[in-house]
């Protein structure tokens, strides 16, 4: 997993202000397009920072009031914090988190899902942007397709509302990645 030296603008200014309102060390478990673009260098726009967890819980409400869609920081910076409470991620994701930047913020610790967990978190929605993100991860890491399949089977499949559909989605993703690798 990578660590970067600095969060780019406008995210840094947004996070600096959010950090200024945190009253203690606060972990944000980050996912989505923010991680794909910031940590893995995919060039695409994203206006939200998806987080699975804001801990400790006492920090959640004040940070979301300030940074959520429609909040003061969203109005000021045009980007926002999105607390994603319904995302399905592999069971052991927390053991594989990596801090994105060390020491850039006084209170905030931005922790990113590992690339396999990040890819699998996009499985159910499966829109074109998600497929593009997964293809980028497969190229930039590169993803080991057996690890992806194994993690899906052991840590995610049981959580899904329609596992047969997601089995097919994963199969199609693996074919997409294999075709992309052959073409390159």
C-alpha atoms as a PDB file:
ATOM      1  CA  UNK A   1       0.000   0.000   0.000  1.00  0.00           C
ATOM      2  CA  UNK A   2       1.217   3.473  -0.796  1.00  0.00           C
ATOM      3  CA  UNK A   3       1.539   6.518   1.353  1.00  0.00           C
ATOM      4  CA  UNK A   4       1.614   9.951  -0.194  1.00  0.00           C
ATOM      5  CA  UNK A   5       3.493  13.047   0.959  1.00  0.00           C
ATOM      6  CA  UNK A   6       0.606  15.461   0.832  1.00  0.00           C
ATOM      7  CA  UNK A   7      -3.103  15.677   0.023  1.00  0.00           C
ATOM      8  CA  UNK A   8      -3.664  17.923  -3.006  1.00  0.00           C
ATOM      9  CA  UNK A   9      -5.967  20.909  -3.181  1.00  0.00           C
ATOM     10  CA  UNK A  10      -8.835  21.523  -2.816  1.00  0.00           C
ATOM     11  CA  UNK A  11      -8.922  18.502  -0.503  1.00  0.00           C
ATOM     12  CA  UNK A  12      -6.093  19.729   1.702  1.00  0.00           C
ATOM     13  CA  UNK A  13      -7.802  23.054   2.499  1.00  0.00           C
ATOM     14  CA  UNK A  14     -11.070  21.221   3.189  1.00  0.00           C
ATOM     15  CA  UNK A  15      -9.350  18.694   5.465  1.00  0.00           C
ATOM     16  CA  UNK A  16      -7.310  21.392   7.239  1.00  0.00           C
ATOM     17  CA  UNK A  17     -10.539  23.121   8.245  1.00  0.00           C
ATOM     18  CA  UNK A  18     -12.150  19.840   9.248  1.00  0.00           C
ATOM     19  CA  UNK A  19      -9.033  19.007  11.268  1.00  0.00           C
ATOM     20  CA  UNK A  20      -9.303  22.358  13.048  1.00  0.00           C
ATOM     21  CA  UNK A  21     -12.729  21.365  14.350  1.00  0.00           C
ATOM     22  CA  UNK A  22     -11.715  17.914  15.585  1.00  0.00           C
ATOM     23  CA  UNK A  23     -11.008  17.925  19.307  1.00  0.00           C
ATOM     24  CA  UNK A  24      -9.009  14.690  19.469  1.00  0.00           C
ATOM     25  CA  UNK A  25      -7.300  12.174  17.217  1.00  0.00           C
ATOM     26  CA  UNK A  26      -9.945  11.049  14.741  1.00  0.00           C
ATOM     27  CA  UNK A  27      -9.691   8.201  12.265  1.00  0.00           C
ATOM     28  CA  UNK A  28     -11.510   8.427   8.946  1.00  0.00           C
ATOM     29  CA  UNK A  29     -11.721   5.116   7.064  1.00  0.00           C
ATOM     30  CA  UNK A  30     -11.693   6.374   3.481  1.00  0.00           C
ATOM     31  CA  UNK A  31     -12.898   4.693   0.323  1.00  0.00           C
ATOM     32  CA  UNK A  32     -14.330   5.510  -3.084  1.00  0.00           C
ATOM     33  CA  UNK A  33     -13.118   7.879  -5.742  1.00  0.00           C
ATOM     34  CA  UNK A  34     -11.156   9.988  -3.261  1.00  0.00           C
ATOM     35  CA  UNK A  35      -8.859   7.047  -2.510  1.00  0.00           C
ATOM     36  CA  UNK A  36      -8.629   5.922  -6.140  1.00  0.00           C
ATOM     37  CA  UNK A  37      -7.633   9.420  -7.271  1.00  0.00           C
ATOM     38  CA  UNK A  38      -5.562  10.575  -4.303  1.00  0.00           C
ATOM     39  CA  UNK A  39      -3.662   7.406  -3.465  1.00  0.00           C
ATOM     40  CA  UNK A  40      -3.651   5.557  -6.785  1.00  0.00           C
ATOM     41  CA  UNK A  41      -3.403   8.488  -9.169  1.00  0.00           C
ATOM     42  CA  UNK A  42      -6.489   7.911 -11.282  1.00  0.00           C
ATOM     43  CA  UNK A  43      -7.324  11.107 -13.109  1.00  0.00           C
ATOM     44  CA  UNK A  44     -11.038  11.653 -12.663  1.00  0.00           C
ATOM     45  CA  UNK A  45     -13.187  14.121 -10.799  1.00  0.00           C
ATOM     46  CA  UNK A  46     -14.728  13.355  -7.443  1.00  0.00           C
ATOM     47  CA  UNK A  47     -16.589  15.764  -5.189  1.00  0.00           C
ATOM     48  CA  UNK A  48     -16.919  13.607  -2.088  1.00  0.00           C
ATOM     49  CA  UNK A  49     -14.748  11.850   0.436  1.00  0.00           C
ATOM     50  CA  UNK A  50     -16.555   8.607   1.265  1.00  0.00           C
ATOM     51  CA  UNK A  51     -15.872   7.382   4.801  1.00  0.00           C
ATOM     52  CA  UNK A  52     -16.985   4.136   6.409  1.00  0.00           C
ATOM     53  CA  UNK A  53     -16.001   5.141   9.904  1.00  0.00           C
ATOM     54  CA  UNK A  54     -15.380   8.299  11.870  1.00  0.00           C
ATOM     55  CA  UNK A  55     -13.850   7.333  15.203  1.00  0.00           C
ATOM     56  CA  UNK A  56     -14.242   8.116  17.965  1.00  0.00           C
ATOM     57  CA  UNK A  57     -17.974   8.356  17.494  1.00  0.00           C
ATOM     58  CA  UNK A  58     -18.168  11.664  19.418  1.00  0.00           C
ATOM     59  CA  UNK A  59     -16.353  13.318  16.509  1.00  0.00           C
ATOM     60  CA  UNK A  60     -18.819  12.085  13.873  1.00  0.00           C
ATOM     61  CA  UNK A  61     -21.664  14.549  14.374  1.00  0.00           C
ATOM     62  CA  UNK A  62     -19.621  17.777  14.527  1.00  0.00           C
ATOM     63  CA  UNK A  63     -17.405  16.800  11.586  1.00  0.00           C
ATOM     64  CA  UNK A  64     -20.367  15.750   9.460  1.00  0.00           C
ATOM     65  CA  UNK A  65     -22.316  18.917  10.292  1.00  0.00           C
ATOM     66  CA  UNK A  66     -19.378  20.950   9.056  1.00  0.00           C
ATOM     67  CA  UNK A  67     -18.195  18.795   6.148  1.00  0.00           C
ATOM     68  CA  UNK A  68     -21.270  16.993   4.789  1.00  0.00           C
ATOM     69  CA  UNK A  69     -23.118  17.876   1.588  1.00  0.00           C
ATOM     70  CA  UNK A  70     -24.781  21.238   2.154  1.00  0.00           C
ATOM     71  CA  UNK A  71     -22.539  22.047   5.125  1.00  0.00           C
ATOM     72  CA  UNK A  72     -20.298  25.092   5.502  1.00  0.00           C
ATOM     73  CA  UNK A  73     -17.224  23.413   4.019  1.00  0.00           C
ATOM     74  CA  UNK A  74     -19.173  22.037   1.063  1.00  0.00           C
ATOM     75  CA  UNK A  75     -20.429  25.527   0.306  1.00  0.00           C
ATOM     76  CA  UNK A  76     -16.934  26.966   0.642  1.00  0.00           C
ATOM     77  CA  UNK A  77     -14.885  24.305  -1.201  1.00  0.00           C
ATOM     78  CA  UNK A  78     -17.424  22.545  -3.428  1.00  0.00           C
ATOM     79  CA  UNK A  79     -16.473  19.141  -1.983  1.00  0.00           C
ATOM     80  CA  UNK A  80     -17.888  17.238   0.948  1.00  0.00           C
ATOM     81  CA  UNK A  81     -17.569  14.425   3.460  1.00  0.00           C
ATOM     82  CA  UNK A  82     -19.960  11.527   2.840  1.00  0.00           C
ATOM     83  CA  UNK A  83     -20.536   9.063   5.686  1.00  0.00           C
ATOM     84  CA  UNK A  84     -21.326   5.785   3.923  1.00  0.00           C
ATOM     85  CA  UNK A  85     -23.209   3.639   6.408  1.00  0.00           C
ATOM     86  CA  UNK A  86     -24.531   0.996   4.019  1.00  0.00           C
ATOM     87  CA  UNK A  87     -21.431   0.016   2.041  1.00  0.00           C
ATOM     88  CA  UNK A  88     -20.515  -3.628   1.942  1.00  0.00           C
ATOM     89  CA  UNK A  89     -16.810  -4.203   2.474  1.00  0.00           C
ATOM     90  CA  UNK A  90     -14.796  -7.327   3.259  1.00  0.00           C
ATOM     91  CA  UNK A  91     -14.928  -8.417   6.901  1.00  0.00           C
ATOM     92  CA  UNK A  92     -11.308  -7.851   7.813  1.00  0.00           C
ATOM     93  CA  UNK A  93     -10.849  -4.521   6.042  1.00  0.00           C
ATOM     94  CA  UNK A  94      -9.759  -2.710   9.214  1.00  0.00           C
ATOM     95  CA  UNK A  95      -6.723  -4.955   9.607  1.00  0.00           C
ATOM     96  CA  UNK A  96      -5.539  -3.866   6.145  1.00  0.00           C
ATOM     97  CA  UNK A  97      -6.065  -0.099   6.405  1.00  0.00           C
ATOM     98  CA  UNK A  98      -3.119   2.157   5.620  1.00  0.00           C
ATOM     99  CA  UNK A  99      -2.694   5.725   6.710  1.00  0.00           C
ATOM    100  CA  UNK A 100      -2.645   7.879   3.581  1.00  0.00           C
ATOM    101  CA  UNK A 101      -0.502  10.730   4.945  1.00  0.00           C
ATOM    102  CA  UNK A 102       1.356  10.936   8.221  1.00  0.00           C
ATOM    103  CA  UNK A 103       1.525  14.154  10.160  1.00  0.00           C
ATOM    104  CA  UNK A 104      -0.229  16.443   7.683  1.00  0.00           C
ATOM    105  CA  UNK A 105      -3.108  17.022  10.086  1.00  0.00           C
ATOM    106  CA  UNK A 106      -3.106  17.565  13.837  1.00  0.00           C
ATOM    107  CA  UNK A 107      -6.111  15.364  14.610  1.00  0.00           C
ATOM    108  CA  UNK A 108      -7.246  13.604  11.437  1.00  0.00           C
ATOM    109  CA  UNK A 109      -5.859  10.232  10.435  1.00  0.00           C
ATOM    110  CA  UNK A 110      -6.956   9.384   6.900  1.00  0.00           C
ATOM    111  CA  UNK A 111      -6.881   5.615   6.517  1.00  0.00           C
ATOM    112  CA  UNK A 112      -7.534   4.031   3.129  1.00  0.00           C
ATOM    113  CA  UNK A 113      -9.016   0.676   2.273  1.00  0.00           C
ATOM    114  CA  UNK A 114      -6.475  -1.589   0.655  1.00  0.00           C
ATOM    115  CA  UNK A 115      -6.889  -1.881  -3.134  1.00  0.00           C
ATOM    116  CA  UNK A 116      -8.715  -5.240  -3.033  1.00  0.00           C
ATOM    117  CA  UNK A 117     -11.188  -4.064  -0.393  1.00  0.00           C
ATOM    118  CA  UNK A 118     -11.618  -0.821  -2.310  1.00  0.00           C
ATOM    119  CA  UNK A 119     -12.399  -2.695  -5.530  1.00  0.00           C
ATOM    120  CA  UNK A 120     -14.816  -5.061  -3.790  1.00  0.00           C
ATOM    121  CA  UNK A 121     -16.623  -2.149  -2.123  1.00  0.00           C
ATOM    122  CA  UNK A 122     -17.730  -1.131  -5.631  1.00  0.00           C
ATOM    123  CA  UNK A 123     -19.095  -4.533  -6.628  1.00  0.00           C
ATOM    124  CA  UNK A 124     -22.782  -4.090  -5.788  1.00  0.00           C
ATOM    125  CA  UNK A 125     -23.214  -0.697  -7.424  1.00  0.00           C
ATOM    126  CA  UNK A 126     -21.177  -1.626 -10.511  1.00  0.00           C
ATOM    127  CA  UNK A 127     -21.703   1.546 -12.519  1.00  0.00           C
ATOM    128  CA  UNK A 128     -19.270   2.525 -15.278  1.00  0.00           C
ATOM    129  CA  UNK A 129     -17.259   4.769 -12.940  1.00  0.00           C
ATOM    130  CA  UNK A 130     -16.804   1.807 -10.569  1.00  0.00           C
ATOM    131  CA  UNK A 131     -15.631  -0.446 -13.392  1.00  0.00           C
ATOM    132  CA  UNK A 132     -13.186   2.248 -14.529  1.00  0.00           C
ATOM    133  CA  UNK A 133     -11.853   2.567 -10.964  1.00  0.00           C
ATOM    134  CA  UNK A 134     -11.391  -1.201 -10.697  1.00  0.00           C
ATOM    135  CA  UNK A 135      -9.656  -1.339 -14.067  1.00  0.00           C
ATOM    136  CA  UNK A 136      -7.309   1.438 -12.911  1.00  0.00           C
ATOM    137  CA  UNK A 137      -6.540  -0.424  -9.668  1.00  0.00           C
ATOM    138  CA  UNK A 138      -5.927  -3.614 -11.631  1.00  0.00           C
ATOM    139  CA  UNK A 139      -3.388  -1.761 -13.778  1.00  0.00           C
ATOM    140  CA  UNK A 140      -1.687   0.346 -11.119  1.00  0.00           C
ATOM    141  CA  UNK A 141      -1.281  -2.211  -8.319  1.00  0.00           C
ATOM    142  CA  UNK A 142      -1.600  -4.649 -10.288  1.00  0.00           C
ATOM    143  CA  UNK A 143      -4.386  -6.640  -8.629  1.00  0.00           C
ATOM    144  CA  UNK A 144      -3.859 -10.366  -8.203  1.00  0.00           C
ATOM    145  CA  UNK A 145      -7.125 -11.830  -9.460  1.00  0.00           C
ATOM    146  CA  UNK A 146      -6.915 -14.861  -7.174  1.00  0.00           C
ATOM    147  CA  UNK A 147      -6.591 -12.619  -4.106  1.00  0.00           C
ATOM    148  CA  UNK A 148      -9.577 -10.595  -5.329  1.00  0.00           C
ATOM    149  CA  UNK A 149     -11.682 -13.735  -5.856  1.00  0.00           C
ATOM    150  CA  UNK A 150     -10.595 -15.304  -2.564  1.00  0.00           C
ATOM    151  CA  UNK A 151     -11.343 -12.187  -0.518  1.00  0.00           C
ATOM    152  CA  UNK A 152     -14.744 -11.930  -2.189  1.00  0.00           C
ATOM    153  CA  UNK A 153     -15.581 -15.554  -1.375  1.00  0.00           C
ATOM    154  CA  UNK A 154     -14.332 -15.528   2.228  1.00  0.00           C
ATOM    155  CA  UNK A 155     -15.104 -12.015   3.445  1.00  0.00           C
ATOM    156  CA  UNK A 156     -17.788 -10.380   1.340  1.00  0.00           C
ATOM    157  CA  UNK A 157     -20.112 -12.790  -0.457  1.00  0.00           C
ATOM    158  CA  UNK A 158     -22.058 -13.798   2.660  1.00  0.00           C
ATOM    159  CA  UNK A 159     -23.019 -10.136   3.285  1.00  0.00           C
ATOM    160  CA  UNK A 160     -24.588  -9.513  -0.099  1.00  0.00           C
ATOM    161  CA  UNK A 161     -28.305  -9.337  -0.711  1.00  0.00           C
ATOM    162  CA  UNK A 162     -28.013 -11.006  -4.116  1.00  0.00           C
ATOM    163  CA  UNK A 163     -24.792 -13.028  -4.101  1.00  0.00           C
ATOM    164  CA  UNK A 164     -25.556 -14.784  -7.393  1.00  0.00           C
ATOM    165  CA  UNK A 165     -25.724 -11.447  -9.189  1.00  0.00           C
ATOM    166  CA  UNK A 166     -22.467 -10.311  -7.562  1.00  0.00           C
ATOM    167  CA  UNK A 167     -20.838 -13.647  -8.459  1.00  0.00           C
ATOM    168  CA  UNK A 168     -21.591 -12.793 -12.073  1.00  0.00           C
ATOM    169  CA  UNK A 169     -20.379  -9.210 -11.643  1.00  0.00           C
ATOM    170  CA  UNK A 170     -17.077 -10.415 -10.189  1.00  0.00           C
ATOM    171  CA  UNK A 171     -16.713 -12.933 -13.018  1.00  0.00           C
ATOM    172  CA  UNK A 172     -17.278 -10.166 -15.576  1.00  0.00           C
ATOM    173  CA  UNK A 173     -14.803  -7.882 -13.797  1.00  0.00           C
ATOM    174  CA  UNK A 174     -12.146 -10.585 -13.820  1.00  0.00           C
ATOM    175  CA  UNK A 175     -12.757 -11.120 -17.540  1.00  0.00           C
ATOM    176  CA  UNK A 176     -12.572  -7.335 -18.096  1.00  0.00           C
ATOM    177  CA  UNK A 177      -9.238  -7.138 -16.266  1.00  0.00           C
ATOM    178  CA  UNK A 178      -7.822 -10.167 -18.092  1.00  0.00           C
ATOM    179  CA  UNK A 179      -8.856  -8.706 -21.465  1.00  0.00           C
ATOM    180  CA  UNK A 180      -7.302  -5.364 -20.550  1.00  0.00           C
ATOM    181  CA  UNK A 181      -4.052  -7.089 -19.592  1.00  0.00           C
ATOM    182  CA  UNK A 182      -3.995  -9.045 -22.843  1.00  0.00           C
ATOM    183  CA  UNK A 183      -4.631  -5.889 -24.886  1.00  0.00           C
ATOM    184  CA  UNK A 184      -1.832  -4.021 -23.113  1.00  0.00           C
END
